Amino acid sequence: MRVSSRTKRALAALLAAMGWFALAMQFALLLQAAPEGQGTLESTIRFFSYFTIQMNILAALVVSAFAMKARHDEWLVHPFVRSAIAAYIAVVAVVYHTVLAKLWAPQGTQYIVDLLLHTVMPLGYLVFWCVCVRKTGLRWYDPLLWLIYPAAYLLAVLVRGKWSGFYPYPFVDAGALGYAKVAVYAVHVLVLFLIAGAIIVVAGRVMARFAENADAG
């Protein structure tokens, strides 16, 4: 079933609106819950230190750009980055729902924001990727290249954590766990990123071939 360009852009616009709303609300809630003596600058740095926040920002930027660009412009955009974000945000959802969700029970507005950032946006972006993103051009080794971002993120978090004492996630808390245990967790997470990337590439290449056959037919 073909989806019209207008429907695709409406989907992207709706997803963008939800993404930016959730990010703005999460930032406001974080500032509100900041301990006494923690300045706005430090709170802002901590906000952007979360991989979930970074991925939701990237996803919101992608769908916002898609909603605003002319249709022919989309063919000038290589699927590498959009597909990488699909793999990243899928891992965000998996890690949160299998590990992190057990550690707290958000209520009220925080629950809604939490649902948007960890469930609605990841699922919505994956639907967007399936329906709207051109898949032609994905390469088998792309998942290896996609590991660069999370590996660099982990390094940055550990360096800053050593200096500030703040670690955004318990499994990267080198102060509490030690670097050896964090390294073990890091390898597990990077393998998860690699698996997610491989699934995205395989699915993308299959869908691209199916689309080519449908156009030829």
N, C-alpha and C. Protein backbone atom coordinates (compact mmCIF):
# COMPACT_ATOMS: atom_id res chain seq x y z
N MET A 1 0.84 -1.19 0.00
CA MET A 1 0.00 0.00 0.00
C MET A 1 0.88 1.25 0.00
N ARG A 2 0.64 2.13 -0.94
CA ARG A 2 1.42 3.37 -1.03
C ARG A 2 0.82 4.43 -0.10
N VAL A 3 1.69 5.18 0.52
CA VAL A 3 1.26 6.26 1.42
C VAL A 3 1.56 7.58 0.73
N SER A 4 0.60 8.47 0.70
CA SER A 4 0.78 9.74 -0.01
C SER A 4 1.82 10.60 0.69
N SER A 5 2.40 11.50 -0.08
CA SER A 5 3.39 12.42 0.46
C SER A 5 2.80 13.29 1.56
N ARG A 6 1.56 13.71 1.37
CA ARG A 6 0.91 14.55 2.38
C ARG A 6 0.74 13.79 3.69
N THR A 7 0.36 12.52 3.61
CA THR A 7 0.19 11.71 4.82
C THR A 7 1.52 11.50 5.52
N LYS A 8 2.57 11.27 4.75
CA LYS A 8 3.90 11.09 5.33
C LYS A 8 4.32 12.35 6.09
N ARG A 9 4.08 13.51 5.49
CA ARG A 9 4.50 14.75 6.14
C ARG A 9 3.64 15.06 7.35
N ALA A 10 2.38 14.66 7.31
CA ALA A 10 1.51 14.84 8.47
C ALA A 10 2.00 13.95 9.62
N LEU A 11 2.39 12.72 9.30
CA LEU A 11 2.94 11.82 10.31
C LEU A 11 4.21 12.41 10.91
N ALA A 12 5.09 12.91 10.06
CA ALA A 12 6.34 13.50 10.54
C ALA A 12 6.08 14.72 11.41
N ALA A 13 5.13 15.57 11.01
CA ALA A 13 4.82 16.77 11.78
C ALA A 13 4.25 16.43 13.14
N LEU A 14 3.38 15.42 13.19
CA LEU A 14 2.81 14.99 14.47
C LEU A 14 3.88 14.44 15.38
N LEU A 15 4.75 13.63 14.83
CA LEU A 15 5.84 13.05 15.61
C LEU A 15 6.79 14.15 16.12
N ALA A 16 7.07 15.12 15.26
CA ALA A 16 7.93 16.23 15.67
C ALA A 16 7.32 17.02 16.82
N ALA A 17 6.02 17.29 16.72
CA ALA A 17 5.34 18.04 17.78
C ALA A 17 5.41 17.30 19.11
N MET A 18 5.17 15.99 19.08
CA MET A 18 5.23 15.19 20.31
C MET A 18 6.65 15.17 20.86
N GLY A 19 7.63 15.04 19.96
CA GLY A 19 9.01 14.98 20.40
C GLY A 19 9.47 16.26 21.07
N TRP A 20 9.21 17.40 20.43
CA TRP A 20 9.64 18.68 21.01
C TRP A 20 8.90 18.99 22.30
N PHE A 21 7.61 18.62 22.35
CA PHE A 21 6.84 18.82 23.59
C PHE A 21 7.44 18.00 24.73
N ALA A 22 7.71 16.72 24.47
CA ALA A 22 8.26 15.87 25.51
C ALA A 22 9.63 16.36 25.98
N LEU A 23 10.46 16.80 25.05
CA LEU A 23 11.79 17.30 25.42
C LEU A 23 11.69 18.57 26.25
N ALA A 24 10.83 19.48 25.85
CA ALA A 24 10.66 20.72 26.61
C ALA A 24 10.13 20.45 28.01
N MET A 25 9.15 19.55 28.11
CA MET A 25 8.59 19.21 29.42
C MET A 25 9.62 18.51 30.30
N GLN A 26 10.40 17.61 29.71
CA GLN A 26 11.42 16.91 30.50
C GLN A 26 12.47 17.88 31.03
N PHE A 27 12.85 18.86 30.21
CA PHE A 27 13.82 19.86 30.66
C PHE A 27 13.24 20.68 31.82
N ALA A 28 11.97 21.07 31.71
CA ALA A 28 11.33 21.84 32.76
C ALA A 28 11.24 21.02 34.05
N LEU A 29 10.89 19.74 33.93
CA LEU A 29 10.79 18.87 35.11
C LEU A 29 12.15 18.65 35.75
N LEU A 30 13.18 18.52 34.92
CA LEU A 30 14.53 18.34 35.47
C LEU A 30 14.97 19.58 36.24
N LEU A 31 14.71 20.75 35.68
CA LEU A 31 15.06 21.99 36.39
C LEU A 31 14.30 22.10 37.71
N GLN A 32 13.04 21.70 37.68
CA GLN A 32 12.20 21.78 38.88
C GLN A 32 12.70 20.83 39.98
N ALA A 33 13.19 19.67 39.57
CA ALA A 33 13.63 18.66 40.54
C ALA A 33 15.10 18.78 40.92
N ALA A 34 15.80 19.74 40.36
CA ALA A 34 17.24 19.89 40.64
C ALA A 34 17.47 20.17 42.12
N PRO A 35 18.45 19.53 42.71
CA PRO A 35 18.74 19.77 44.13
C PRO A 35 19.22 21.20 44.36
N GLU A 36 19.02 21.66 45.56
CA GLU A 36 19.43 23.03 45.91
C GLU A 36 20.94 23.18 45.73
N GLY A 37 21.32 24.26 45.10
CA GLY A 37 22.74 24.51 44.87
C GLY A 37 23.23 24.08 43.51
N GLN A 38 22.40 23.29 42.80
CA GLN A 38 22.77 22.89 41.44
C GLN A 38 22.27 23.95 40.47
N GLY A 39 23.17 24.62 39.84
CA GLY A 39 22.80 25.73 38.97
C GLY A 39 22.13 25.28 37.68
N THR A 40 21.61 26.27 36.97
CA THR A 40 20.92 25.98 35.69
C THR A 40 21.88 25.41 34.66
N LEU A 41 23.12 25.89 34.66
CA LEU A 41 24.10 25.40 33.70
C LEU A 41 24.38 23.91 33.91
N GLU A 42 24.61 23.53 35.16
CA GLU A 42 24.87 22.11 35.45
C GLU A 42 23.64 21.25 35.13
N SER A 43 22.45 21.75 35.45
CA SER A 43 21.23 21.01 35.14
C SER A 43 21.07 20.83 33.63
N THR A 44 21.42 21.86 32.88
CA THR A 44 21.32 21.78 31.42
C THR A 44 22.31 20.77 30.87
N ILE A 45 23.54 20.79 31.39
CA ILE A 45 24.55 19.83 30.95
C ILE A 45 24.08 18.40 31.24
N ARG A 46 23.50 18.21 32.41
CA ARG A 46 23.03 16.87 32.77
C ARG A 46 21.86 16.43 31.88
N PHE A 47 21.01 17.38 31.55
CA PHE A 47 19.89 17.07 30.65
C PHE A 47 20.40 16.52 29.32
N PHE A 48 21.38 17.20 28.75
CA PHE A 48 21.92 16.76 27.46
C PHE A 48 22.88 15.57 27.59
N SER A 49 23.18 15.16 28.82
CA SER A 49 24.06 14.01 29.01
C SER A 49 23.34 12.69 28.82
N TYR A 50 22.02 12.71 28.83
CA TYR A 50 21.26 11.46 28.68
C TYR A 50 21.19 11.07 27.20
N PHE A 51 21.54 9.82 26.93
CA PHE A 51 21.48 9.32 25.56
C PHE A 51 20.06 9.38 25.03
N THR A 52 19.10 9.13 25.90
CA THR A 52 17.69 9.21 25.51
C THR A 52 17.34 10.60 24.99
N ILE A 53 17.81 11.61 25.69
CA ILE A 53 17.54 12.99 25.27
C ILE A 53 18.21 13.28 23.93
N GLN A 54 19.45 12.88 23.78
CA GLN A 54 20.16 13.12 22.53
C GLN A 54 19.45 12.46 21.35
N MET A 55 19.01 11.22 21.54
CA MET A 55 18.35 10.51 20.44
C MET A 55 16.98 11.11 20.12
N ASN A 56 16.27 11.54 21.14
CA ASN A 56 14.98 12.17 20.88
C ASN A 56 15.14 13.52 20.18
N ILE A 57 16.20 14.24 20.50
CA ILE A 57 16.49 15.49 19.80
C ILE A 57 16.79 15.20 18.33
N LEU A 58 17.66 14.22 18.07
CA LEU A 58 18.00 13.88 16.69
C LEU A 58 16.77 13.40 15.92
N ALA A 59 15.96 12.57 16.56
CA ALA A 59 14.75 12.08 15.90
C ALA A 59 13.80 13.23 15.60
N ALA A 60 13.64 14.15 16.56
CA ALA A 60 12.76 15.29 16.34
C ALA A 60 13.27 16.19 15.22
N LEU A 61 14.59 16.36 15.13
CA LEU A 61 15.17 17.16 14.05
C LEU A 61 14.91 16.51 12.69
N VAL A 62 15.08 15.20 12.62
CA VAL A 62 14.89 14.49 11.35
C VAL A 62 13.44 14.60 10.87
N VAL A 63 12.50 14.33 11.77
CA VAL A 63 11.09 14.36 11.34
C VAL A 63 10.63 15.79 11.07
N SER A 64 11.20 16.75 11.79
CA SER A 64 10.86 18.16 11.53
C SER A 64 11.34 18.56 10.14
N ALA A 65 12.57 18.18 9.81
CA ALA A 65 13.11 18.50 8.48
C ALA A 65 12.30 17.83 7.39
N PHE A 66 11.91 16.58 7.62
CA PHE A 66 11.12 15.85 6.63
C PHE A 66 9.77 16.53 6.41
N ALA A 67 9.16 17.00 7.49
CA ALA A 67 7.85 17.64 7.38
C ALA A 67 7.91 18.96 6.62
N MET A 68 9.07 19.63 6.65
CA MET A 68 9.18 20.95 6.05
C MET A 68 9.79 20.96 4.65
N LYS A 69 10.53 19.91 4.28
CA LYS A 69 11.23 19.92 3.00
C LYS A 69 10.32 19.56 1.84
N ALA A 70 10.71 20.02 0.67
CA ALA A 70 10.00 19.64 -0.55
C ALA A 70 10.25 18.16 -0.83
N ARG A 71 9.30 17.52 -1.50
CA ARG A 71 9.36 16.08 -1.72
C ARG A 71 10.63 15.66 -2.47
N HIS A 72 11.00 16.41 -3.50
CA HIS A 72 12.16 15.99 -4.30
C HIS A 72 13.47 16.12 -3.53
N ASP A 73 13.48 16.97 -2.49
CA ASP A 73 14.69 17.14 -1.70
C ASP A 73 15.06 15.87 -0.93
N GLU A 74 14.05 15.05 -0.63
CA GLU A 74 14.30 13.86 0.18
C GLU A 74 15.26 12.90 -0.52
N TRP A 75 15.29 12.92 -1.82
CA TRP A 75 16.16 12.00 -2.56
C TRP A 75 17.60 12.45 -2.52
N LEU A 76 17.84 13.66 -2.01
CA LEU A 76 19.21 14.14 -1.87
C LEU A 76 19.80 13.75 -0.52
N VAL A 77 18.98 13.17 0.36
CA VAL A 77 19.41 12.82 1.71
C VAL A 77 19.74 11.33 1.76
N HIS A 78 20.98 11.02 2.11
CA HIS A 78 21.38 9.61 2.21
C HIS A 78 20.73 9.00 3.46
N PRO A 79 20.31 7.75 3.39
CA PRO A 79 19.61 7.12 4.52
C PRO A 79 20.51 6.78 5.70
N PHE A 80 21.81 7.00 5.59
CA PHE A 80 22.76 6.58 6.62
C PHE A 80 22.38 7.13 8.00
N VAL A 81 22.21 8.45 8.10
CA VAL A 81 21.96 9.07 9.40
C VAL A 81 20.57 8.72 9.92
N ARG A 82 19.56 8.81 9.07
CA ARG A 82 18.20 8.50 9.50
C ARG A 82 18.07 7.07 9.97
N SER A 83 18.78 6.16 9.32
CA SER A 83 18.73 4.75 9.71
C SER A 83 19.52 4.51 10.98
N ALA A 84 20.63 5.21 11.15
CA ALA A 84 21.40 5.10 12.38
C ALA A 84 20.55 5.51 13.58
N ILE A 85 19.80 6.60 13.43
CA ILE A 85 18.94 7.06 14.52
C ILE A 85 17.86 6.03 14.83
N ALA A 86 17.37 5.35 13.80
CA ALA A 86 16.38 4.28 14.02
C ALA A 86 16.97 3.19 14.90
N ALA A 87 18.21 2.80 14.63
CA ALA A 87 18.87 1.78 15.45
C ALA A 87 19.10 2.29 16.87
N TYR A 88 19.58 3.52 16.99
CA TYR A 88 19.87 4.09 18.30
C TYR A 88 18.61 4.19 19.17
N ILE A 89 17.54 4.72 18.60
CA ILE A 89 16.35 4.96 19.41
C ILE A 89 15.63 3.66 19.73
N ALA A 90 15.83 2.63 18.90
CA ALA A 90 15.30 1.31 19.23
C ALA A 90 16.01 0.76 20.47
N VAL A 91 17.33 0.96 20.54
CA VAL A 91 18.08 0.52 21.71
C VAL A 91 17.65 1.29 22.95
N VAL A 92 17.39 2.58 22.79
CA VAL A 92 16.89 3.39 23.90
C VAL A 92 15.64 2.74 24.51
N ALA A 93 14.70 2.36 23.65
CA ALA A 93 13.46 1.76 24.13
C ALA A 93 13.71 0.41 24.79
N VAL A 94 14.54 -0.42 24.17
CA VAL A 94 14.81 -1.75 24.70
C VAL A 94 15.49 -1.69 26.06
N VAL A 95 16.54 -0.88 26.18
CA VAL A 95 17.28 -0.78 27.44
C VAL A 95 16.38 -0.20 28.53
N TYR A 96 15.60 0.80 28.17
CA TYR A 96 14.73 1.40 29.19
C TYR A 96 13.72 0.40 29.71
N HIS A 97 13.03 -0.27 28.81
CA HIS A 97 11.94 -1.15 29.24
C HIS A 97 12.43 -2.46 29.85
N THR A 98 13.64 -2.87 29.56
CA THR A 98 14.16 -4.11 30.14
C THR A 98 15.01 -3.90 31.38
N VAL A 99 15.59 -2.70 31.53
CA VAL A 99 16.50 -2.45 32.65
C VAL A 99 16.07 -1.27 33.51
N LEU A 100 15.94 -0.11 32.90
CA LEU A 100 15.80 1.13 33.67
C LEU A 100 14.40 1.36 34.22
N ALA A 101 13.37 0.88 33.55
CA ALA A 101 12.00 1.12 34.00
C ALA A 101 11.73 0.51 35.38
N LYS A 102 12.49 -0.52 35.73
CA LYS A 102 12.31 -1.18 37.03
C LYS A 102 12.83 -0.33 38.19
N LEU A 103 13.62 0.68 37.87
CA LEU A 103 14.30 1.44 38.92
C LEU A 103 13.52 2.63 39.44
N TRP A 104 12.40 2.97 38.78
CA TRP A 104 11.61 4.09 39.28
C TRP A 104 10.18 3.97 38.77
N ALA A 105 9.29 4.77 39.37
CA ALA A 105 7.88 4.73 39.00
C ALA A 105 7.38 6.17 38.84
N PRO A 106 7.60 6.75 37.67
CA PRO A 106 7.18 8.14 37.44
C PRO A 106 5.67 8.31 37.57
N GLN A 107 5.27 9.47 38.03
CA GLN A 107 3.85 9.76 38.22
C GLN A 107 3.48 11.06 37.52
N GLY A 108 2.20 11.22 37.23
CA GLY A 108 1.69 12.47 36.69
C GLY A 108 2.33 12.87 35.38
N THR A 109 2.75 14.13 35.31
CA THR A 109 3.34 14.66 34.09
C THR A 109 4.61 13.91 33.71
N GLN A 110 5.38 13.53 34.72
CA GLN A 110 6.62 12.80 34.43
C GLN A 110 6.33 11.46 33.76
N TYR A 111 5.25 10.82 34.14
CA TYR A 111 4.88 9.55 33.51
C TYR A 111 4.56 9.75 32.03
N ILE A 112 3.81 10.82 31.73
CA ILE A 112 3.45 11.11 30.33
C ILE A 112 4.70 11.40 29.51
N VAL A 113 5.58 12.24 30.05
CA VAL A 113 6.82 12.57 29.35
C VAL A 113 7.68 11.33 29.17
N ASP A 114 7.76 10.53 30.22
CA ASP A 114 8.53 9.30 30.16
C ASP A 114 7.99 8.37 29.07
N LEU A 115 6.68 8.28 28.98
CA LEU A 115 6.04 7.43 27.96
C LEU A 115 6.36 7.95 26.56
N LEU A 116 6.32 9.26 26.38
CA LEU A 116 6.61 9.84 25.08
C LEU A 116 8.06 9.60 24.65
N LEU A 117 8.99 9.82 25.58
CA LEU A 117 10.41 9.74 25.25
C LEU A 117 10.91 8.30 25.04
N HIS A 118 10.35 7.37 25.80
CA HIS A 118 10.89 6.01 25.79
C HIS A 118 10.03 5.00 25.03
N THR A 119 8.80 5.37 24.70
CA THR A 119 7.92 4.43 24.01
C THR A 119 7.34 5.03 22.73
N VAL A 120 6.64 6.15 22.85
CA VAL A 120 5.93 6.72 21.71
C VAL A 120 6.90 7.20 20.63
N MET A 121 7.91 7.96 21.02
CA MET A 121 8.86 8.47 20.03
C MET A 121 9.68 7.35 19.37
N PRO A 122 10.21 6.39 20.14
CA PRO A 122 10.91 5.29 19.47
C PRO A 122 10.03 4.51 18.49
N LEU A 123 8.83 4.15 18.92
CA LEU A 123 7.92 3.43 18.02
C LEU A 123 7.52 4.30 16.83
N GLY A 124 7.22 5.55 17.12
CA GLY A 124 6.82 6.47 16.06
C GLY A 124 7.92 6.69 15.05
N TYR A 125 9.16 6.82 15.54
CA TYR A 125 10.27 7.03 14.61
C TYR A 125 10.51 5.80 13.76
N LEU A 126 10.37 4.61 14.35
CA LEU A 126 10.55 3.39 13.58
C LEU A 126 9.49 3.25 12.50
N VAL A 127 8.26 3.64 12.83
CA VAL A 127 7.19 3.66 11.81
C VAL A 127 7.54 4.66 10.71
N PHE A 128 7.99 5.85 11.13
CA PHE A 128 8.42 6.87 10.17
C PHE A 128 9.52 6.33 9.27
N TRP A 129 10.50 5.65 9.87
CA TRP A 129 11.61 5.09 9.08
C TRP A 129 11.09 4.07 8.08
N CYS A 130 10.18 3.22 8.51
CA CYS A 130 9.64 2.18 7.62
C CYS A 130 8.86 2.79 6.46
N VAL A 131 8.07 3.81 6.74
CA VAL A 131 7.13 4.35 5.76
C VAL A 131 7.74 5.46 4.91
N CYS A 132 8.56 6.30 5.51
CA CYS A 132 8.97 7.55 4.87
C CYS A 132 10.42 7.61 4.40
N VAL A 133 11.30 6.85 5.00
CA VAL A 133 12.73 7.01 4.73
C VAL A 133 13.16 6.14 3.55
N ARG A 134 13.88 6.75 2.63
CA ARG A 134 14.46 5.99 1.51
C ARG A 134 15.53 5.05 2.07
N LYS A 135 15.51 3.79 1.62
CA LYS A 135 16.42 2.78 2.16
C LYS A 135 17.58 2.46 1.21
N THR A 136 17.46 2.82 -0.06
CA THR A 136 18.50 2.51 -1.04
C THR A 136 19.83 3.16 -0.64
N GLY A 137 20.88 2.38 -0.61
CA GLY A 137 22.19 2.92 -0.27
C GLY A 137 22.74 2.42 1.04
N LEU A 138 21.93 1.73 1.84
CA LEU A 138 22.45 1.18 3.09
C LEU A 138 23.46 0.07 2.78
N ARG A 139 24.55 0.06 3.54
CA ARG A 139 25.62 -0.90 3.30
C ARG A 139 25.73 -1.87 4.47
N TRP A 140 26.25 -3.07 4.20
CA TRP A 140 26.32 -4.10 5.23
C TRP A 140 27.19 -3.68 6.40
N TYR A 141 28.20 -2.83 6.16
CA TYR A 141 29.10 -2.45 7.25
C TYR A 141 28.66 -1.19 7.99
N ASP A 142 27.53 -0.60 7.61
CA ASP A 142 27.04 0.60 8.30
C ASP A 142 26.87 0.40 9.81
N PRO A 143 26.36 -0.75 10.29
CA PRO A 143 26.23 -0.92 11.75
C PRO A 143 27.54 -0.76 12.50
N LEU A 144 28.65 -1.13 11.88
CA LEU A 144 29.95 -0.94 12.53
C LEU A 144 30.27 0.55 12.65
N LEU A 145 29.97 1.31 11.61
CA LEU A 145 30.20 2.76 11.67
C LEU A 145 29.27 3.42 12.68
N TRP A 146 28.08 2.89 12.81
CA TRP A 146 27.11 3.45 13.76
C TRP A 146 27.54 3.27 15.21
N LEU A 147 28.48 2.38 15.46
CA LEU A 147 28.98 2.18 16.82
C LEU A 147 29.83 3.35 17.31
N ILE A 148 30.30 4.16 16.37
CA ILE A 148 31.19 5.27 16.75
C ILE A 148 30.49 6.23 17.70
N TYR A 149 29.23 6.56 17.42
CA TYR A 149 28.51 7.54 18.26
C TYR A 149 28.34 7.03 19.68
N PRO A 150 27.75 5.84 19.90
CA PRO A 150 27.59 5.39 21.30
C PRO A 150 28.91 5.17 22.01
N ALA A 151 29.94 4.74 21.29
CA ALA A 151 31.25 4.55 21.92
C ALA A 151 31.83 5.90 22.37
N ALA A 152 31.70 6.92 21.51
CA ALA A 152 32.16 8.26 21.87
C ALA A 152 31.34 8.83 23.02
N TYR A 153 30.04 8.56 23.00
CA TYR A 153 29.16 9.01 24.10
C TYR A 153 29.62 8.40 25.42
N LEU A 154 29.88 7.10 25.42
CA LEU A 154 30.31 6.43 26.64
C LEU A 154 31.62 7.03 27.16
N LEU A 155 32.55 7.26 26.28
CA LEU A 155 33.83 7.84 26.68
C LEU A 155 33.62 9.23 27.30
N ALA A 156 32.79 10.04 26.66
CA ALA A 156 32.53 11.39 27.18
C ALA A 156 31.87 11.34 28.55
N VAL A 157 30.92 10.42 28.72
CA VAL A 157 30.22 10.29 30.01
C VAL A 157 31.20 9.88 31.11
N LEU A 158 32.11 8.95 30.80
CA LEU A 158 33.06 8.48 31.80
C LEU A 158 34.07 9.57 32.17
N VAL A 159 34.51 10.33 31.17
CA VAL A 159 35.46 11.42 31.44
C VAL A 159 34.81 12.48 32.30
N ARG A 160 33.61 12.90 31.93
CA ARG A 160 32.94 13.93 32.72
C ARG A 160 32.54 13.40 34.10
N GLY A 161 32.12 12.13 34.16
CA GLY A 161 31.74 11.55 35.43
C GLY A 161 32.90 11.50 36.41
N LYS A 162 34.10 11.22 35.89
CA LYS A 162 35.30 11.21 36.74
C LYS A 162 35.53 12.57 37.36
N TRP A 163 35.20 13.61 36.60
CA TRP A 163 35.44 14.98 37.07
C TRP A 163 34.29 15.50 37.92
N SER A 164 33.04 15.20 37.51
CA SER A 164 31.87 15.79 38.18
C SER A 164 31.19 14.86 39.19
N GLY A 165 31.40 13.56 39.03
CA GLY A 165 30.72 12.61 39.89
C GLY A 165 29.32 12.24 39.42
N PHE A 166 28.90 12.81 38.29
CA PHE A 166 27.56 12.51 37.76
C PHE A 166 27.63 11.54 36.60
N TYR A 167 26.86 10.48 36.71
CA TYR A 167 26.72 9.50 35.62
C TYR A 167 25.24 9.37 35.30
N PRO A 168 24.84 9.55 34.05
CA PRO A 168 23.41 9.58 33.73
C PRO A 168 22.69 8.24 33.90
N TYR A 169 23.44 7.13 33.85
CA TYR A 169 22.81 5.81 33.97
C TYR A 169 23.59 4.96 34.97
N PRO A 170 22.88 4.12 35.72
CA PRO A 170 23.57 3.32 36.76
C PRO A 170 24.59 2.34 36.20
N PHE A 171 24.41 1.85 35.00
CA PHE A 171 25.36 0.86 34.46
C PHE A 171 26.62 1.50 33.88
N VAL A 172 26.70 2.84 33.91
CA VAL A 172 27.95 3.52 33.53
C VAL A 172 28.56 4.26 34.72
N ASP A 173 28.04 4.00 35.90
CA ASP A 173 28.52 4.67 37.10
C ASP A 173 29.83 4.01 37.56
N ALA A 174 30.92 4.50 37.01
CA ALA A 174 32.23 3.93 37.33
C ALA A 174 32.60 4.16 38.79
N GLY A 175 32.07 5.22 39.39
CA GLY A 175 32.37 5.49 40.79
C GLY A 175 31.81 4.40 41.70
N ALA A 176 30.63 3.87 41.37
CA ALA A 176 30.00 2.85 42.19
C ALA A 176 30.38 1.44 41.76
N LEU A 177 30.53 1.22 40.46
CA LEU A 177 30.75 -0.13 39.93
C LEU A 177 32.20 -0.46 39.66
N GLY A 178 32.99 0.56 39.38
CA GLY A 178 34.37 0.33 38.95
C GLY A 178 34.42 0.22 37.43
N TYR A 179 35.57 0.54 36.88
CA TYR A 179 35.69 0.59 35.41
C TYR A 179 35.59 -0.79 34.76
N ALA A 180 36.03 -1.83 35.47
CA ALA A 180 35.97 -3.18 34.89
C ALA A 180 34.53 -3.61 34.65
N LYS A 181 33.67 -3.37 35.64
CA LYS A 181 32.27 -3.77 35.50
C LYS A 181 31.56 -2.90 34.47
N VAL A 182 31.89 -1.61 34.46
CA VAL A 182 31.30 -0.72 33.45
C VAL A 182 31.71 -1.17 32.05
N ALA A 183 32.94 -1.62 31.90
CA ALA A 183 33.42 -2.10 30.60
C ALA A 183 32.60 -3.30 30.14
N VAL A 184 32.28 -4.20 31.06
CA VAL A 184 31.47 -5.36 30.71
C VAL A 184 30.09 -4.93 30.24
N TYR A 185 29.47 -4.03 31.00
CA TYR A 185 28.15 -3.52 30.60
C TYR A 185 28.23 -2.80 29.26
N ALA A 186 29.30 -2.05 29.06
CA ALA A 186 29.46 -1.29 27.82
C ALA A 186 29.54 -2.23 26.62
N VAL A 187 30.26 -3.32 26.76
CA VAL A 187 30.36 -4.29 25.67
C VAL A 187 28.99 -4.86 25.34
N HIS A 188 28.21 -5.19 26.38
CA HIS A 188 26.86 -5.72 26.15
C HIS A 188 25.99 -4.72 25.39
N VAL A 189 26.07 -3.46 25.81
CA VAL A 189 25.25 -2.43 25.17
C VAL A 189 25.70 -2.20 23.73
N LEU A 190 27.00 -2.18 23.49
CA LEU A 190 27.50 -1.98 22.13
C LEU A 190 27.10 -3.15 21.22
N VAL A 191 27.09 -4.35 21.76
CA VAL A 191 26.62 -5.51 20.99
C VAL A 191 25.15 -5.33 20.64
N LEU A 192 24.38 -4.80 21.60
CA LEU A 192 22.96 -4.54 21.34
C LEU A 192 22.80 -3.51 20.22
N PHE A 193 23.64 -2.48 20.23
CA PHE A 193 23.62 -1.49 19.15
C PHE A 193 23.96 -2.15 17.81
N LEU A 194 24.93 -3.04 17.83
CA LEU A 194 25.33 -3.72 16.60
C LEU A 194 24.20 -4.59 16.06
N ILE A 195 23.52 -5.29 16.95
CA ILE A 195 22.39 -6.13 16.54
C ILE A 195 21.26 -5.28 15.98
N ALA A 196 20.94 -4.19 16.68
CA ALA A 196 19.88 -3.30 16.20
C ALA A 196 20.24 -2.72 14.83
N GLY A 197 21.50 -2.33 14.67
CA GLY A 197 21.94 -1.79 13.38
C GLY A 197 21.83 -2.81 12.27
N ALA A 198 22.22 -4.06 12.58
CA ALA A 198 22.14 -5.12 11.57
C ALA A 198 20.70 -5.37 11.16
N ILE A 199 19.79 -5.34 12.13
CA ILE A 199 18.37 -5.54 11.81
C ILE A 199 17.85 -4.42 10.92
N ILE A 200 18.25 -3.19 11.23
CA ILE A 200 17.83 -2.05 10.43
C ILE A 200 18.35 -2.17 9.00
N VAL A 201 19.62 -2.56 8.84
CA VAL A 201 20.19 -2.68 7.50
C VAL A 201 19.51 -3.79 6.71
N VAL A 202 19.33 -4.95 7.33
CA VAL A 202 18.67 -6.06 6.64
C VAL A 202 17.25 -5.67 6.24
N ALA A 203 16.51 -5.11 7.20
CA ALA A 203 15.13 -4.70 6.90
C ALA A 203 15.11 -3.63 5.82
N GLY A 204 16.04 -2.67 5.89
CA GLY A 204 16.09 -1.61 4.91
C GLY A 204 16.38 -2.11 3.52
N ARG A 205 17.34 -3.01 3.40
CA ARG A 205 17.69 -3.55 2.08
C ARG A 205 16.55 -4.38 1.50
N VAL A 206 15.87 -5.14 2.37
CA VAL A 206 14.71 -5.92 1.90
C VAL A 206 13.60 -5.00 1.42
N MET A 207 13.31 -3.96 2.19
CA MET A 207 12.25 -3.03 1.80
C MET A 207 12.62 -2.26 0.54
N ALA A 208 13.90 -1.91 0.40
CA ALA A 208 14.34 -1.20 -0.80
C ALA A 208 14.17 -2.07 -2.04
N ARG A 209 14.53 -3.34 -1.93
CA ARG A 209 14.38 -4.26 -3.06
C ARG A 209 12.91 -4.47 -3.39
N PHE A 210 12.08 -4.58 -2.36
CA PHE A 210 10.65 -4.75 -2.58
C PHE A 210 10.06 -3.53 -3.30
N ALA A 211 10.51 -2.32 -2.88
CA ALA A 211 10.03 -1.09 -3.51
C ALA A 211 10.46 -1.01 -4.96
N GLU A 212 11.71 -1.43 -5.24
CA GLU A 212 12.20 -1.42 -6.61
C GLU A 212 11.40 -2.38 -7.49
N ASN A 213 11.09 -3.57 -6.96
CA ASN A 213 10.31 -4.55 -7.72
C ASN A 213 8.88 -4.04 -7.96
N ALA A 214 8.34 -3.34 -6.93
CA ALA A 214 6.98 -2.80 -7.08
C ALA A 214 6.94 -1.71 -8.14
N ASP A 215 8.00 -0.87 -8.16
CA ASP A 215 8.06 0.18 -9.19
C ASP A 215 8.24 -0.41 -10.59
N ALA A 216 9.06 -1.47 -10.65
CA ALA A 216 9.28 -2.11 -11.95
C ALA A 216 8.04 -2.79 -12.45
N GLY A 217 7.24 -3.30 -11.50
CA GLY A 217 6.00 -3.99 -11.91
C GLY A 217 4.91 -3.02 -12.25
